[in-house]
Amino acid sequence: MNTLFQRHVLSRRWLTFATLGLSLLAFGAGTLNLGFLVIANFHLLADHGWQAVMDGALHQSLELLVTAYLCAAAYVVLKTCEQRLVRWLGGNG
């Protein structure tokens, strides 16, 4: 995956820039309310216990965890593209 990403995305400046923009949008959209939703879900589970679990709060917690990891992956892609473009603009790549 790493070599494939380097060969196809990071070797083309325009595609690196486009990927940076898309990963920024994904990261921003994914994290916009993530903290508030995690806190609200925790309070729901704490206040209503087993009834909240039966109504799907535990499933929602797992979905929020998956969303958090997807946001982290988008952030890693964002920083990788940023580093490549900064090296190019600085004359080192």
Protein backbone atom coordinates (compact mmCIF):
# COMPACT_ATOMS: atom_id res chain seq x y z
CA MET A 1 0.00 0.00 0.00
CA ASN A 2 2.82 2.39 0.93
CA THR A 3 4.70 1.85 -2.34
CA LEU A 4 1.48 2.07 -4.35
CA PHE A 5 0.59 5.39 -2.69
CA GLN A 6 4.07 6.76 -3.30
CA ARG A 7 4.18 5.63 -6.91
CA HIS A 8 0.73 6.84 -7.95
CA VAL A 9 -0.08 9.79 -5.70
CA LEU A 10 3.09 11.30 -4.26
CA SER A 11 4.95 11.21 -7.57
CA ARG A 12 2.43 13.59 -9.17
CA ARG A 13 2.26 17.04 -7.58
CA TRP A 14 -1.24 17.83 -8.82
CA LEU A 15 -2.57 14.50 -7.50
CA THR A 16 -0.76 15.02 -4.20
CA PHE A 17 -2.43 18.43 -3.87
CA ALA A 18 -5.86 17.03 -4.81
CA THR A 19 -5.43 14.16 -2.33
CA LEU A 20 -4.40 16.64 0.36
CA GLY A 21 -7.62 18.61 -0.22
CA LEU A 22 -9.83 15.53 -0.17
CA SER A 23 -8.22 14.18 2.99
CA LEU A 24 -8.62 17.60 4.63
CA LEU A 25 -12.34 17.55 3.82
CA ALA A 26 -12.69 13.98 5.10
CA PHE A 27 -10.83 14.77 8.31
CA GLY A 28 -12.78 17.98 8.91
CA ALA A 29 -16.18 16.47 8.20
CA GLY A 30 -15.44 13.40 10.28
CA THR A 31 -14.19 15.23 13.34
CA LEU A 32 -16.62 18.14 13.32
CA ASN A 33 -18.97 16.75 15.96
CA LEU A 34 -17.15 13.55 16.89
CA GLY A 35 -16.16 14.75 20.36
CA PHE A 36 -19.67 15.91 21.20
CA LEU A 37 -21.17 12.63 19.96
CA VAL A 38 -18.75 10.52 21.99
CA ILE A 39 -19.52 12.51 25.16
CA ALA A 40 -23.28 12.33 24.52
CA ASN A 41 -23.06 8.58 23.90
CA PHE A 42 -21.08 8.09 27.12
CA HIS A 43 -23.68 10.06 29.11
CA LEU A 44 -26.49 8.06 27.50
CA LEU A 45 -24.84 4.79 28.51
CA ALA A 46 -24.04 6.09 32.01
CA ASP A 47 -27.55 7.43 32.62
CA HIS A 48 -29.65 4.65 31.10
CA GLY A 49 -27.37 1.62 31.30
CA TRP A 50 -28.70 -1.62 29.88
CA GLN A 51 -31.73 0.01 28.26
CA ALA A 52 -29.40 2.25 26.21
CA VAL A 53 -27.38 -0.80 25.18
CA MET A 54 -30.56 -2.53 24.06
CA ASP A 55 -31.56 0.57 22.08
CA GLY A 56 -28.27 0.56 20.18
CA ALA A 57 -25.96 2.86 22.12
CA LEU A 58 -23.20 0.25 22.20
CA HIS A 59 -23.46 -0.19 18.44
CA GLN A 60 -23.29 3.57 18.08
CA SER A 61 -20.14 3.60 20.25
CA LEU A 62 -18.49 1.15 17.87
CA GLU A 63 -19.52 3.28 14.88
CA LEU A 64 -17.99 6.34 16.55
CA LEU A 65 -14.77 4.39 17.15
CA VAL A 66 -14.62 3.40 13.47
CA THR A 67 -15.25 7.03 12.49
CA ALA A 68 -12.41 8.14 14.75
CA TYR A 69 -10.00 5.71 13.10
CA LEU A 70 -11.10 6.79 9.63
CA CYS A 71 -10.49 10.41 10.65
CA ALA A 72 -7.04 9.45 11.91
CA ALA A 73 -6.27 7.74 8.59
CA ALA A 74 -7.40 10.86 6.70
CA TYR A 75 -5.12 12.94 8.92
CA VAL A 76 -2.14 10.70 8.18
CA VAL A 77 -2.79 11.03 4.43
CA LEU A 78 -3.14 14.79 4.86
CA LYS A 79 0.18 15.12 6.69
CA THR A 80 1.97 12.83 4.21
CA CYS A 81 0.80 14.91 1.25
CA GLU A 82 1.64 18.11 3.11
CA GLN A 83 5.18 16.90 3.82
CA ARG A 84 5.70 15.94 0.17
CA LEU A 85 4.49 19.33 -1.07
CA VAL A 86 6.56 21.23 1.49
CA ARG A 87 9.67 19.33 0.43
CA TRP A 88 8.90 20.14 -3.21
CA LEU A 89 8.32 23.85 -2.48
CA GLY A 90 11.51 23.99 -0.41
CA GLY A 91 13.53 22.60 -3.31
CA ASN A 92 14.35 19.23 -1.71
CA GLY A 93 12.13 16.98 -3.72
